[in-house]
PDB file of N, CA and C in Angstrom:
ATOM      1  N   MET A   1     100.668 184.857 167.101  1.00  0.00           N
ATOM      2  CA  MET A   1     100.167 183.810 166.231  1.00  0.00           C
ATOM      3  C   MET A   1      99.070 184.394 165.350  1.00  0.00           C
ATOM      4  N   ALA A   2      99.219 184.214 164.041  1.00  0.00           N
ATOM      5  CA  ALA A   2      98.224 184.691 163.097  1.00  0.00           C
ATOM      6  C   ALA A   2      97.710 183.512 162.280  1.00  0.00           C
ATOM      7  N   LEU A   3      96.398 183.330 162.305  1.00  0.00           N
ATOM      8  CA  LEU A   3      95.737 182.242 161.604  1.00  0.00           C
ATOM      9  C   LEU A   3      95.172 182.789 160.296  1.00  0.00           C
ATOM     10  N   HIS A   4      95.516 182.158 159.171  1.00  0.00           N
ATOM     11  CA  HIS A   4      95.073 182.628 157.855  1.00  0.00           C
ATOM     12  C   HIS A   4      94.360 181.495 157.122  1.00  0.00           C
ATOM     13  N   ILE A   5      93.061 181.664 156.893  1.00  0.00           N
ATOM     14  CA  ILE A   5      92.311 180.664 156.130  1.00  0.00           C
ATOM     15  C   ILE A   5      92.719 180.806 154.671  1.00  0.00           C
ATOM     16  N   VAL A   6      93.155 179.681 154.068  1.00  0.00           N
ATOM     17  CA  VAL A   6      93.685 179.727 152.705  1.00  0.00           C
ATOM     18  C   VAL A   6      92.882 178.907 151.707  1.00  0.00           C
ATOM     19  N   ALA A   7      92.063 177.963 152.196  1.00  0.00           N
ATOM     20  CA  ALA A   7      91.300 177.122 151.272  1.00  0.00           C
ATOM     21  C   ALA A   7      90.288 176.293 152.048  1.00  0.00           C
ATOM     22  N   ASP A   8      89.373 175.686 151.307  1.00  0.00           N
ATOM     23  CA  ASP A   8      88.482 174.673 151.853  1.00  0.00           C
ATOM     24  C   ASP A   8      89.161 173.319 151.672  1.00  0.00           C
ATOM     25  N   THR A   9      88.884 172.371 152.544  1.00  0.00           N
ATOM     26  CA  THR A   9      89.487 171.047 152.400  1.00  0.00           C
ATOM     27  C   THR A   9      89.128 170.419 151.049  1.00  0.00           C
ATOM     28  N   ALA A  10      87.945 170.722 150.531  1.00  0.00           N
ATOM     29  CA  ALA A  10      87.526 170.189 149.233  1.00  0.00           C
ATOM     30  C   ALA A  10      88.374 170.733 148.085  1.00  0.00           C
ATOM     31  N   ASP A  11      89.058 171.858 148.302  1.00  0.00           N
ATOM     32  CA  ASP A  11      89.893 172.461 147.257  1.00  0.00           C
ATOM     33  C   ASP A  11      91.196 171.705 147.030  1.00  0.00           C
ATOM     34  N   ILE A  12      91.623 170.918 148.024  1.00  0.00           N
ATOM     35  CA  ILE A  12      92.907 170.228 147.924  1.00  0.00           C
ATOM     36  C   ILE A  12      92.688 168.747 148.227  1.00  0.00           C
ATOM     37  N   PRO A  13      92.407 167.947 147.193  1.00  0.00           N
ATOM     38  CA  PRO A  13      92.168 166.520 147.414  1.00  0.00           C
ATOM     39  C   PRO A  13      93.468 165.798 147.785  1.00  0.00           C
ATOM     40  N   VAL A  14      93.353 164.572 148.234  1.00  0.00           N
ATOM     41  CA  VAL A  14      94.520 163.755 148.564  1.00  0.00           C
ATOM     42  C   VAL A  14      95.461 163.731 147.351  1.00  0.00           C
ATOM     43  N   GLY A  15      96.723 164.014 147.602  1.00  0.00           N
ATOM     44  CA  GLY A  15      97.726 164.052 146.535  1.00  0.00           C
ATOM     45  C   GLY A  15      97.824 165.397 145.837  1.00  0.00           C
ATOM     46  N   GLY A  16      96.944 166.325 146.191  1.00  0.00           N
ATOM     47  CA  GLY A  16      96.947 167.637 145.552  1.00  0.00           C
ATOM     48  C   GLY A  16      97.616 168.694 146.404  1.00  0.00           C
ATOM     49  N   HIS A  17      97.789 169.855 145.800  1.00  0.00           N
ATOM     50  CA  HIS A  17      98.327 170.992 146.543  1.00  0.00           C
ATOM     51  C   HIS A  17      97.865 172.286 145.901  1.00  0.00           C
ATOM     52  N   LYS A  18      98.062 173.355 146.643  1.00  0.00           N
ATOM     53  CA  LYS A  18      97.665 174.685 146.189  1.00  0.00           C
ATOM     54  C   LYS A  18      98.713 175.675 146.691  1.00  0.00           C
ATOM     55  N   ILE A  19      99.099 176.600 145.830  1.00  0.00           N
ATOM     56  CA  ILE A  19     100.038 177.652 146.223  1.00  0.00           C
ATOM     57  C   ILE A  19      99.222 178.884 146.593  1.00  0.00           C
ATOM     58  N   VAL A  20      99.489 179.430 147.784  1.00  0.00           N
ATOM     59  CA  VAL A  20      98.739 180.582 148.289  1.00  0.00           C
ATOM     60  C   VAL A  20      99.720 181.680 148.717  1.00  0.00           C
ATOM     61  N   GLU A  21      99.227 182.898 148.800  1.00  0.00           N
ATOM     62  CA  GLU A  21     100.004 184.031 149.313  1.00  0.00           C
ATOM     63  C   GLU A  21      99.460 184.397 150.692  1.00  0.00           C
ATOM     64  N   VAL A  22     100.343 184.459 151.683  1.00  0.00           N
ATOM     65  CA  VAL A  22      99.960 184.830 153.040  1.00  0.00           C
ATOM     66  C   VAL A  22     100.974 185.841 153.555  1.00  0.00           C
ATOM     67  N   GLU A  23     100.522 187.033 153.832  1.00  0.00           N
ATOM     68  CA  GLU A  23     101.389 188.108 154.328  1.00  0.00           C
ATOM     69  C   GLU A  23     102.653 188.250 153.490  1.00  0.00           C
ATOM     70  N   GLY A  24     102.489 188.225 152.180  1.00  0.00           N
ATOM     71  CA  GLY A  24     103.621 188.401 151.271  1.00  0.00           C
ATOM     72  C   GLY A  24     104.485 187.169 151.088  1.00  0.00           C
ATOM     73  N   ARG A  25     104.092 186.045 151.667  1.00  0.00           N
ATOM     74  CA  ARG A  25     104.857 184.800 151.535  1.00  0.00           C
ATOM     75  C   ARG A  25     104.124 183.843 150.612  1.00  0.00           C
ATOM     76  N   SER A  26     104.848 183.234 149.709  1.00  0.00           N
ATOM     77  CA  SER A  26     104.278 182.200 148.857  1.00  0.00           C
ATOM     78  C   SER A  26     104.441 180.864 149.579  1.00  0.00           C
ATOM     79  N   ILE A  27     103.320 180.169 149.787  1.00  0.00           N
ATOM     80  CA  ILE A  27     103.302 178.936 150.582  1.00  0.00           C
ATOM     81  C   ILE A  27     102.539 177.865 149.807  1.00  0.00           C
ATOM     82  N   GLY A  28     103.101 176.663 149.791  1.00  0.00           N
ATOM     83  CA  GLY A  28     102.414 175.516 149.197  1.00  0.00           C
ATOM     84  C   GLY A  28     101.702 174.731 150.279  1.00  0.00           C
ATOM     85  N   VAL A  29     100.407 174.494 150.085  1.00  0.00           N
ATOM     86  CA  VAL A  29      99.617 173.701 151.033  1.00  0.00           C
ATOM     87  C   VAL A  29      99.321 172.370 150.353  1.00  0.00           C
ATOM     88  N   TYR A  30      99.712 171.283 151.006  1.00  0.00           N
ATOM     89  CA  TYR A  30      99.631 169.941 150.433  1.00  0.00           C
ATOM     90  C   TYR A  30      98.714 169.045 151.253  1.00  0.00           C
ATOM     91  N   ASN A  31      98.023 168.141 150.545  1.00  0.00           N
ATOM     92  CA  ASN A  31      97.265 167.080 151.196  1.00  0.00           C
ATOM     93  C   ASN A  31      98.039 165.788 150.964  1.00  0.00           C
ATOM     94  N   VAL A  32      98.777 165.363 151.985  1.00  0.00           N
ATOM     95  CA  VAL A  32      99.588 164.154 151.903  1.00  0.00           C
ATOM     96  C   VAL A  32      98.849 163.037 152.627  1.00  0.00           C
ATOM     97  N   LYS A  33      98.231 162.174 151.855  1.00  0.00           N
ATOM     98  CA  LYS A  33      97.520 161.005 152.400  1.00  0.00           C
ATOM     99  C   LYS A  33      96.506 161.398 153.467  1.00  0.00           C
ATOM    100  N   GLY A  34      95.792 162.511 153.236  1.00  0.00           N
ATOM    101  CA  GLY A  34      94.743 162.951 154.145  1.00  0.00           C
ATOM    102  C   GLY A  34      95.184 163.923 155.224  1.00  0.00           C
ATOM    103  N   GLU A  35      96.491 164.224 155.311  1.00  0.00           N
ATOM    104  CA  GLU A  35      97.002 165.194 156.270  1.00  0.00           C
ATOM    105  C   GLU A  35      97.485 166.428 155.506  1.00  0.00           C
ATOM    106  N   TYR A  36      97.196 167.594 156.045  1.00  0.00           N
ATOM    107  CA  TYR A  36      97.582 168.845 155.383  1.00  0.00           C
ATOM    108  C   TYR A  36      98.889 169.373 155.952  1.00  0.00           C
ATOM    109  N   HIS A  37      99.758 169.836 155.056  1.00  0.00           N
ATOM    110  CA  HIS A  37     101.066 170.375 155.413  1.00  0.00           C
ATOM    111  C   HIS A  37     101.323 171.611 154.561  1.00  0.00           C
ATOM    112  N   ALA A  38     102.120 172.532 155.093  1.00  0.00           N
ATOM    113  CA  ALA A  38     102.441 173.759 154.367  1.00  0.00           C
ATOM    114  C   ALA A  38     103.942 174.000 154.395  1.00  0.00           C
ATOM    115  N   ILE A  39     104.499 174.338 153.221  1.00  0.00           N
ATOM    116  CA  ILE A  39     105.925 174.638 153.119  1.00  0.00           C
ATOM    117  C   ILE A  39     106.127 175.929 152.330  1.00  0.00           C
ATOM    118  N   HIS A  40     107.248 176.560 152.590  1.00  0.00           N
ATOM    119  CA  HIS A  40     107.625 177.781 151.886  1.00  0.00           C
ATOM    120  C   HIS A  40     107.884 177.437 150.418  1.00  0.00           C
ATOM    121  N   ASN A  41     107.331 178.223 149.528  1.00  0.00           N
ATOM    122  CA  ASN A  41     107.474 177.997 148.091  1.00  0.00           C
ATOM    123  C   ASN A  41     108.789 178.605 147.605  1.00  0.00           C
ATOM    124  N   TYR A  42     109.890 178.154 148.185  1.00  0.00           N
ATOM    125  CA  TYR A  42     111.201 178.719 147.863  1.00  0.00           C
ATOM    126  C   TYR A  42     112.255 177.646 148.084  1.00  0.00           C
ATOM    127  N   CYS A  43     112.982 177.313 147.034  1.00  0.00           N
ATOM    128  CA  CYS A  43     114.060 176.340 147.177  1.00  0.00           C
ATOM    129  C   CYS A  43     115.296 177.046 147.709  1.00  0.00           C
ATOM    130  N   PRO A  44     115.882 176.553 148.798  1.00  0.00           N
ATOM    131  CA  PRO A  44     117.050 177.206 149.385  1.00  0.00           C
ATOM    132  C   PRO A  44     118.297 177.132 148.502  1.00  0.00           C
ATOM    133  N   HIS A  45     118.277 176.349 147.454  1.00  0.00           N
ATOM    134  CA  HIS A  45     119.437 176.220 146.580  1.00  0.00           C
ATOM    135  C   HIS A  45     119.643 177.483 145.746  1.00  0.00           C
ATOM    136  N   GLN A  46     118.660 177.818 144.889  1.00  0.00           N
ATOM    137  CA  GLN A  46     118.793 179.005 144.049  1.00  0.00           C
ATOM    138  C   GLN A  46     117.485 179.767 143.894  1.00  0.00           C
ATOM    139  N   GLY A  47     116.550 179.554 144.812  1.00  0.00           N
ATOM    140  CA  GLY A  47     115.353 180.371 144.860  1.00  0.00           C
ATOM    141  C   GLY A  47     114.219 179.995 143.923  1.00  0.00           C
ATOM    142  N   ALA A  48     114.239 178.817 143.361  1.00  0.00           N
ATOM    143  CA  ALA A  48     113.140 178.389 142.486  1.00  0.00           C
ATOM    144  C   ALA A  48     111.844 178.288 143.270  1.00  0.00           C
ATOM    145  N   GLU A  49     110.730 178.367 142.556  1.00  0.00           N
ATOM    146  CA  GLU A  49     109.425 178.151 143.181  1.00  0.00           C
ATOM    147  C   GLU A  49     109.280 176.647 143.412  1.00  0.00           C
ATOM    148  N   LEU A  50     109.675 176.216 144.581  1.00  0.00           N
ATOM    149  CA  LEU A  50     109.740 174.804 144.938  1.00  0.00           C
ATOM    150  C   LEU A  50     108.418 174.083 144.714  1.00  0.00           C
ATOM    151  N   CYS A  51     107.322 174.727 145.062  1.00  0.00           N
ATOM    152  CA  CYS A  51     106.008 174.071 145.013  1.00  0.00           C
ATOM    153  C   CYS A  51     105.469 173.914 143.594  1.00  0.00           C
ATOM    154  N   LYS A  52     106.215 174.379 142.602  1.00  0.00           N
ATOM    155  CA  LYS A  52     105.840 174.132 141.206  1.00  0.00           C
ATOM    156  C   LYS A  52     106.501 172.867 140.678  1.00  0.00           C
ATOM    157  N   GLY A  53     107.305 172.227 141.539  1.00  0.00           N
ATOM    158  CA  GLY A  53     107.948 170.974 141.166  1.00  0.00           C
ATOM    159  C   GLY A  53     107.010 169.797 141.366  1.00  0.00           C
ATOM    160  N   PRO A  54     107.387 168.641 140.824  1.00  0.00           N
ATOM    161  CA  PRO A  54     106.518 167.462 140.952  1.00  0.00           C
ATOM    162  C   PRO A  54     106.487 166.914 142.369  1.00  0.00           C
ATOM    163  N   VAL A  55     105.330 166.389 142.748  1.00  0.00           N
ATOM    164  CA  VAL A  55     105.167 165.669 144.005  1.00  0.00           C
ATOM    165  C   VAL A  55     105.364 164.207 143.650  1.00  0.00           C
ATOM    166  N   CYS A  56     106.234 163.548 144.408  1.00  0.00           N
ATOM    167  CA  CYS A  56     106.614 162.194 144.033  1.00  0.00           C
ATOM    168  C   CYS A  56     107.039 161.415 145.269  1.00  0.00           C
ATOM    169  N   GLY A  57     107.716 160.322 145.049  1.00  0.00           N
ATOM    170  CA  GLY A  57     108.365 159.547 146.093  1.00  0.00           C
ATOM    171  C   GLY A  57     109.856 159.585 145.818  1.00  0.00           C
ATOM    172  N   THR A  58     110.567 158.630 146.352  1.00  0.00           N
ATOM    173  CA  THR A  58     112.012 158.601 146.136  1.00  0.00           C
ATOM    174  C   THR A  58     112.527 157.172 146.269  1.00  0.00           C
ATOM    175  N   ASN A  59     113.768 156.973 145.888  1.00  0.00           N
ATOM    176  CA  ASN A  59     114.399 155.667 146.086  1.00  0.00           C
ATOM    177  C   ASN A  59     114.750 155.495 147.554  1.00  0.00           C
ATOM    178  N   LEU A  60     114.419 154.357 148.088  1.00  0.00           N
ATOM    179  CA  LEU A  60     114.725 154.029 149.483  1.00  0.00           C
ATOM    180  C   LEU A  60     116.051 153.282 149.548  1.00  0.00           C
ATOM    181  N   PRO A  61     116.687 153.280 150.714  1.00  0.00           N
ATOM    182  CA  PRO A  61     117.913 152.490 150.848  1.00  0.00           C
ATOM    183  C   PRO A  61     117.621 151.031 150.481  1.00  0.00           C
ATOM    184  N   SER A  62     118.509 150.444 149.688  1.00  0.00           N
ATOM    185  CA  SER A  62     118.295 149.064 149.242  1.00  0.00           C
ATOM    186  C   SER A  62     119.637 148.426 148.890  1.00  0.00           C
ATOM    187  N   GLU A  63     119.597 147.172 148.531  1.00  0.00           N
ATOM    188  CA  GLU A  63     120.796 146.431 148.144  1.00  0.00           C
ATOM    189  C   GLU A  63     121.344 146.999 146.829  1.00  0.00           C
ATOM    190  N   VAL A  64     122.601 146.702 146.549  1.00  0.00           N
ATOM    191  CA  VAL A  64     123.232 147.131 145.308  1.00  0.00           C
ATOM    192  C   VAL A  64     122.433 146.584 144.119  1.00  0.00           C
ATOM    193  N   TYR A  65     122.196 147.434 143.149  1.00  0.00           N
ATOM    194  CA  TYR A  65     121.439 147.136 141.927  1.00  0.00           C
ATOM    195  C   TYR A  65     119.959 146.863 142.173  1.00  0.00           C
ATOM    196  N   ALA A  66     119.514 147.078 143.376  1.00  0.00           N
ATOM    197  CA  ALA A  66     118.084 146.949 143.677  1.00  0.00           C
ATOM    198  C   ALA A  66     117.557 148.362 143.928  1.00  0.00           C
ATOM    199  N   PHE A  67     116.486 148.701 143.289  1.00  0.00           N
ATOM    200  CA  PHE A  67     115.913 150.032 143.439  1.00  0.00           C
ATOM    201  C   PHE A  67     114.517 149.893 144.022  1.00  0.00           C
ATOM    202  N   GLU A  68     114.370 150.382 145.237  1.00  0.00           N
ATOM    203  CA  GLU A  68     113.089 150.292 145.932  1.00  0.00           C
ATOM    204  C   GLU A  68     112.489 151.692 146.040  1.00  0.00           C
ATOM    205  N   TYR A  69     111.343 151.887 145.390  1.00  0.00           N
ATOM    206  CA  TYR A  69     110.653 153.176 145.387  1.00  0.00           C
ATOM    207  C   TYR A  69     109.707 153.230 146.578  1.00  0.00           C
ATOM    208  N   GLY A  70     109.637 154.382 147.256  1.00  0.00           N
ATOM    209  CA  GLY A  70     108.734 154.516 148.386  1.00  0.00           C
ATOM    210  C   GLY A  70     108.452 155.974 148.698  1.00  0.00           C
ATOM    211  N   ARG A  71     107.700 156.195 149.770  1.00  0.00           N
ATOM    212  CA  ARG A  71     107.315 157.531 150.235  1.00  0.00           C
ATOM    213  C   ARG A  71     106.547 158.296 149.149  1.00  0.00           C
ATOM    214  N   ASP A  72     105.766 157.576 148.375  1.00  0.00           N
ATOM    215  CA  ASP A  72     105.007 158.187 147.285  1.00  0.00           C
ATOM    216  C   ASP A  72     104.120 159.315 147.800  1.00  0.00           C
ATOM    217  N   GLN A  73     104.127 160.433 147.098  1.00  0.00           N
ATOM    218  CA  GLN A  73     103.345 161.634 147.383  1.00  0.00           C
ATOM    219  C   GLN A  73     103.797 162.366 148.648  1.00  0.00           C
ATOM    220  N   GLU A  74     104.996 162.066 149.159  1.00  0.00           N
ATOM    221  CA  GLU A  74     105.514 162.723 150.360  1.00  0.00           C
ATOM    222  C   GLU A  74     106.680 163.666 150.063  1.00  0.00           C
ATOM    223  N   ILE A  75     107.141 163.682 148.822  1.00  0.00           N
ATOM    224  CA  ILE A  75     108.342 164.421 148.441  1.00  0.00           C
ATOM    225  C   ILE A  75     107.999 165.437 147.359  1.00  0.00           C
ATOM    226  N   VAL A  76     108.574 166.639 147.469  1.00  0.00           N
ATOM    227  CA  VAL A  76     108.469 167.610 146.370  1.00  0.00           C
ATOM    228  C   VAL A  76     109.877 167.793 145.812  1.00  0.00           C
ATOM    229  N   ARG A  77     109.973 167.797 144.483  1.00  0.00           N
ATOM    230  CA  ARG A  77     111.260 167.923 143.805  1.00  0.00           C
ATOM    231  C   ARG A  77     111.348 169.295 143.136  1.00  0.00           C
ATOM    232  N   CYS A  78     112.393 170.041 143.428  1.00  0.00           N
ATOM    233  CA  CYS A  78     112.577 171.371 142.859  1.00  0.00           C
ATOM    234  C   CYS A  78     112.571 171.280 141.328  1.00  0.00           C
ATOM    235  N   PRO A  79     111.803 172.153 140.668  1.00  0.00           N
ATOM    236  CA  PRO A  79     111.716 172.082 139.212  1.00  0.00           C
ATOM    237  C   PRO A  79     112.997 172.525 138.495  1.00  0.00           C
ATOM    238  N   TRP A  80     113.880 173.237 139.159  1.00  0.00           N
ATOM    239  CA  TRP A  80     115.099 173.702 138.492  1.00  0.00           C
ATOM    240  C   TRP A  80     116.220 172.679 138.507  1.00  0.00           C
ATOM    241  N   HIS A  81     116.565 172.137 139.685  1.00  0.00           N
ATOM    242  CA  HIS A  81     117.748 171.286 139.795  1.00  0.00           C
ATOM    243  C   HIS A  81     117.480 169.942 140.469  1.00  0.00           C
ATOM    244  N   GLY A  82     116.220 169.662 140.790  1.00  0.00           N
ATOM    245  CA  GLY A  82     115.861 168.349 141.283  1.00  0.00           C
ATOM    246  C   GLY A  82     116.112 168.079 142.762  1.00  0.00           C
ATOM    247  N   TRP A  83     116.435 169.115 143.533  1.00  0.00           N
ATOM    248  CA  TRP A  83     116.611 168.883 144.972  1.00  0.00           C
ATOM    249  C   TRP A  83     115.282 168.406 145.545  1.00  0.00           C
ATOM    250  N   GLU A  84     115.320 167.406 146.435  1.00  0.00           N
ATOM    251  CA  GLU A  84     114.106 166.808 146.986  1.00  0.00           C
ATOM    252  C   GLU A  84     113.928 167.176 148.452  1.00  0.00           C
ATOM    253  N   PHE A  85     112.663 167.463 148.822  1.00  0.00           N
ATOM    254  CA  PHE A  85     112.327 167.858 150.179  1.00  0.00           C
ATOM    255  C   PHE A  85     111.115 167.080 150.669  1.00  0.00           C
ATOM    256  N   ASP A  86     111.152 166.705 151.953  1.00  0.00           N
ATOM    257  CA  ASP A  86     110.034 166.042 152.609  1.00  0.00           C
ATOM    258  C   ASP A  86     108.960 167.091 152.864  1.00  0.00           C
ATOM    259  N   ILE A  87     107.776 166.893 152.329  1.00  0.00           N
ATOM    260  CA  ILE A  87     106.693 167.872 152.471  1.00  0.00           C
ATOM    261  C   ILE A  87     106.266 168.020 153.927  1.00  0.00           C
ATOM    262  N   LYS A  88     106.325 166.956 154.698  1.00  0.00           N
ATOM    263  CA  LYS A  88     105.878 166.999 156.091  1.00  0.00           C
ATOM    264  C   LYS A  88     106.831 167.774 156.996  1.00  0.00           C
ATOM    265  N   THR A  89     108.135 167.664 156.741  1.00  0.00           N
ATOM    266  CA  THR A  89     109.120 168.253 157.650  1.00  0.00           C
ATOM    267  C   THR A  89     109.930 169.399 157.054  1.00  0.00           C
ATOM    268  N   GLY A  90     109.941 169.510 155.736  1.00  0.00           N
ATOM    269  CA  GLY A  90     110.751 170.517 155.063  1.00  0.00           C
ATOM    270  C   GLY A  90     112.207 170.109 154.910  1.00  0.00           C
ATOM    271  N   LYS A  91     112.607 168.983 155.465  1.00  0.00           N
ATOM    272  CA  LYS A  91     113.998 168.545 155.400  1.00  0.00           C
ATOM    273  C   LYS A  91     114.352 168.061 153.996  1.00  0.00           C
ATOM    274  N   SER A  92     115.581 168.381 153.570  1.00  0.00           N
ATOM    275  CA  SER A  92     116.049 167.856 152.295  1.00  0.00           C
ATOM    276  C   SER A  92     116.373 166.376 152.468  1.00  0.00           C
ATOM    277  N   LEU A  93     116.404 165.653 151.374  1.00  0.00           N
ATOM    278  CA  LEU A  93     116.712 164.232 151.448  1.00  0.00           C
ATOM    279  C   LEU A  93     118.206 163.973 151.328  1.00  0.00           C
ATOM    280  N   PHE A  94     118.986 165.016 151.106  1.00  0.00           N
ATOM    281  CA  PHE A  94     120.410 164.815 150.857  1.00  0.00           C
ATOM    282  C   PHE A  94     121.325 165.416 151.914  1.00  0.00           C
ATOM    283  N   SER A  95     120.812 166.284 152.790  1.00  0.00           N
ATOM    284  CA  SER A  95     121.670 166.918 153.784  1.00  0.00           C
ATOM    285  C   SER A  95     120.859 167.308 155.018  1.00  0.00           C
ATOM    286  N   GLU A  96     121.405 167.047 156.176  1.00  0.00           N
ATOM    287  CA  GLU A  96     120.756 167.448 157.430  1.00  0.00           C
ATOM    288  C   GLU A  96     120.761 168.965 157.604  1.00  0.00           C
ATOM    289  N   LYS A  97     121.624 169.663 156.876  1.00  0.00           N
ATOM    290  CA  LYS A  97     121.783 171.109 157.036  1.00  0.00           C
ATOM    291  C   LYS A  97     120.859 171.928 156.134  1.00  0.00           C
ATOM    292  N   VAL A  98     120.203 171.288 155.179  1.00  0.00           N
ATOM    293  CA  VAL A  98     119.376 172.015 154.211  1.00  0.00           C
ATOM    294  C   VAL A  98     117.916 171.658 154.422  1.00  0.00           C
ATOM    295  N   ARG A  99     117.071 172.687 154.424  1.00  0.00           N
ATOM    296  CA  ARG A  99     115.640 172.474 154.584  1.00  0.00           C
ATOM    297  C   ARG A  99     114.897 173.677 154.025  1.00  0.00           C
ATOM    298  N   THR A 100     113.607 173.516 153.824  1.00  0.00           N
ATOM    299  CA  THR A 100     112.742 174.639 153.509  1.00  0.00           C
ATOM    300  C   THR A 100     111.806 174.818 154.704  1.00  0.00           C
ATOM    301  N   ARG A 101     111.347 176.020 154.900  1.00  0.00           N
ATOM    302  CA  ARG A 101     110.510 176.317 156.062  1.00  0.00           C
ATOM    303  C   ARG A 101     109.152 175.620 155.962  1.00  0.00           C
ATOM    304  N   THR A 102     108.671 175.162 157.100  1.00  0.00           N
ATOM    305  CA  THR A 102     107.321 174.597 157.171  1.00  0.00           C
ATOM    306  C   THR A 102     106.462 175.502 158.046  1.00  0.00           C
ATOM    307  N   TYR A 103     105.152 175.410 157.867  1.00  0.00           N
ATOM    308  CA  TYR A 103     104.205 176.205 158.637  1.00  0.00           C
ATOM    309  C   TYR A 103     103.147 175.280 159.221  1.00  0.00           C
ATOM    310  N   PRO A 104     102.733 175.508 160.461  1.00  0.00           N
ATOM    311  CA  PRO A 104     101.649 174.713 161.034  1.00  0.00           C
ATOM    312  C   PRO A 104     100.346 174.937 160.256  1.00  0.00           C
ATOM    313  N   VAL A 105      99.541 173.899 160.198  1.00  0.00           N
ATOM    314  CA  VAL A 105      98.244 173.952 159.511  1.00  0.00           C
ATOM    315  C   VAL A 105      97.171 173.509 160.494  1.00  0.00           C
ATOM    316  N   GLN A 106      96.045 174.215 160.491  1.00  0.00           N
ATOM    317  CA  GLN A 106      94.890 173.821 161.310  1.00  0.00           C
ATOM    318  C   GLN A 106      93.684 173.633 160.392  1.00  0.00           C
ATOM    319  N   ILE A 107      92.881 172.642 160.709  1.00  0.00           N
ATOM    320  CA  ILE A 107      91.648 172.378 159.963  1.00  0.00           C
ATOM    321  C   ILE A 107      90.486 172.563 160.924  1.00  0.00           C
ATOM    322  N   GLU A 108      89.519 173.378 160.504  1.00  0.00           N
ATOM    323  CA  GLU A 108      88.328 173.581 161.319  1.00  0.00           C
ATOM    324  C   GLU A 108      87.144 173.881 160.417  1.00  0.00           C
ATOM    325  N   ASP A 109      86.081 173.139 160.619  1.00  0.00           N
ATOM    326  CA  ASP A 109      84.842 173.314 159.838  1.00  0.00           C
ATOM    327  C   ASP A 109      85.106 173.297 158.332  1.00  0.00           C
ATOM    328  N   GLY A 110      85.976 172.386 157.890  1.00  0.00           N
ATOM    329  CA  GLY A 110      86.248 172.250 156.468  1.00  0.00           C
ATOM    330  C   GLY A 110      87.129 173.330 155.880  1.00  0.00           C
ATOM    331  N   LYS A 111      87.725 174.158 156.715  1.00  0.00           N
ATOM    332  CA  LYS A 111      88.610 175.238 156.263  1.00  0.00           C
ATOM    333  C   LYS A 111      90.055 174.893 156.633  1.00  0.00           C
ATOM    334  N   ILE A 112      90.965 175.209 155.725  1.00  0.00           N
ATOM    335  CA  ILE A 112      92.388 175.009 155.964  1.00  0.00           C
ATOM    336  C   ILE A 112      92.994 176.351 156.318  1.00  0.00           C
ATOM    337  N   ALA A 113      93.696 176.406 157.448  1.00  0.00           N
ATOM    338  CA  ALA A 113      94.341 177.639 157.882  1.00  0.00           C
ATOM    339  C   ALA A 113      95.830 177.396 158.076  1.00  0.00           C
ATOM    340  N   VAL A 114      96.631 178.340 157.609  1.00  0.00           N
ATOM    341  CA  VAL A 114      98.072 178.325 157.837  1.00  0.00           C
ATOM    342  C   VAL A 114      98.342 179.263 159.006  1.00  0.00           C
ATOM    343  N   VAL A 115      99.207 178.832 159.908  1.00  0.00           N
ATOM    344  CA  VAL A 115      99.523 179.608 161.103  1.00  0.00           C
ATOM    345  C   VAL A 115     100.895 180.241 160.932  1.00  0.00           C
ATOM    346  N   LEU A 116     100.954 181.562 161.027  1.00  0.00           N
ATOM    347  CA  LEU A 116     102.221 182.269 160.981  1.00  0.00           C
ATOM    348  C   LEU A 116     102.581 182.747 162.390  1.00  0.00           C
ATOM    349  N   GLY A 117     103.865 182.827 162.657  1.00  0.00           N
ATOM    350  CA  GLY A 117     104.308 183.290 163.964  1.00  0.00           C
ATOM    351  C   GLY A 117     104.574 182.164 164.941  1.00  0.00           C
ATOM    352  N   VAL A 118     104.371 180.913 164.505  1.00  0.00           N
ATOM    353  CA  VAL A 118     104.650 179.743 165.331  1.00  0.00           C
ATOM    354  C   VAL A 118     105.373 178.747 164.441  1.00  0.00           C
ATOM    355  N   LYS A 119     106.459 178.171 164.920  1.00  0.00           N
ATOM    356  CA  LYS A 119     107.165 177.164 164.149  1.00  0.00           C
ATOM    357  C   LYS A 119     106.360 175.883 164.133  1.00  0.00           C
ATOM    358  N   ALA A 120     106.423 175.173 163.009  1.00  0.00           N
ATOM    359  CA  ALA A 120     105.731 173.878 162.899  1.00  0.00           C
ATOM    360  C   ALA A 120     106.225 172.967 164.015  1.00  0.00           C
ATOM    361  N   GLY A 121     105.317 172.267 164.654  1.00  0.00           N
ATOM    362  CA  GLY A 121     105.665 171.348 165.721  1.00  0.00           C
ATOM    363  C   GLY A 121     105.660 171.984 167.096  1.00  0.00           C
ATOM    364  N   GLN A 122     105.569 173.327 167.193  1.00  0.00           N
ATOM    365  CA  GLN A 122     105.515 173.989 168.499  1.00  0.00           C
ATOM    366  C   GLN A 122     104.078 174.141 168.953  1.00  0.00           C
ATOM    367  N   SER A 123     103.884 174.273 170.223  1.00  0.00           N
ATOM    368  CA  SER A 123     102.559 174.514 170.786  1.00  0.00           C
ATOM    369  C   SER A 123     102.079 175.887 170.346  1.00  0.00           C
ATOM    370  N   GLN A 124     100.795 175.999 170.052  1.00  0.00           N
ATOM    371  CA  GLN A 124     100.232 177.264 169.580  1.00  0.00           C
ATOM    372  C   GLN A 124      99.488 177.992 170.688  1.00  0.00           C
ATOM    373  N   GLU A 125      99.663 177.545 171.917  1.00  0.00           N
ATOM    374  CA  GLU A 125      98.974 178.169 173.035  1.00  0.00           C
ATOM    375  C   GLU A 125      99.836 179.224 173.667  1.00  0.00           C
TER     376      GLU A 125
END
């Protein structure tokens, strides 16, 4: 497990993000409604810099001809072809088989650290 301090919490306000380089990997660190998340800055479709796409929400399941917008600031949309990914989980919104890598994030003393060598959601002990 390798802990890499990448920013101060003040550097990434709610709704903001920052692209950082960690051990040769480009990673987007996001503040989603006060929680920090990190994803690989690479779209699995054709390799675009995913984290340069807009942060947005998406249409939720709804009745025919009814469009319900939700999940605001939780989705990143690839700037090349519009593929959408959940910032918290890395999962695509269109297929269970497609995702981008996520990285665990730790906050301590106002510092944001990305953890390499441990999958997001796994114990770091």
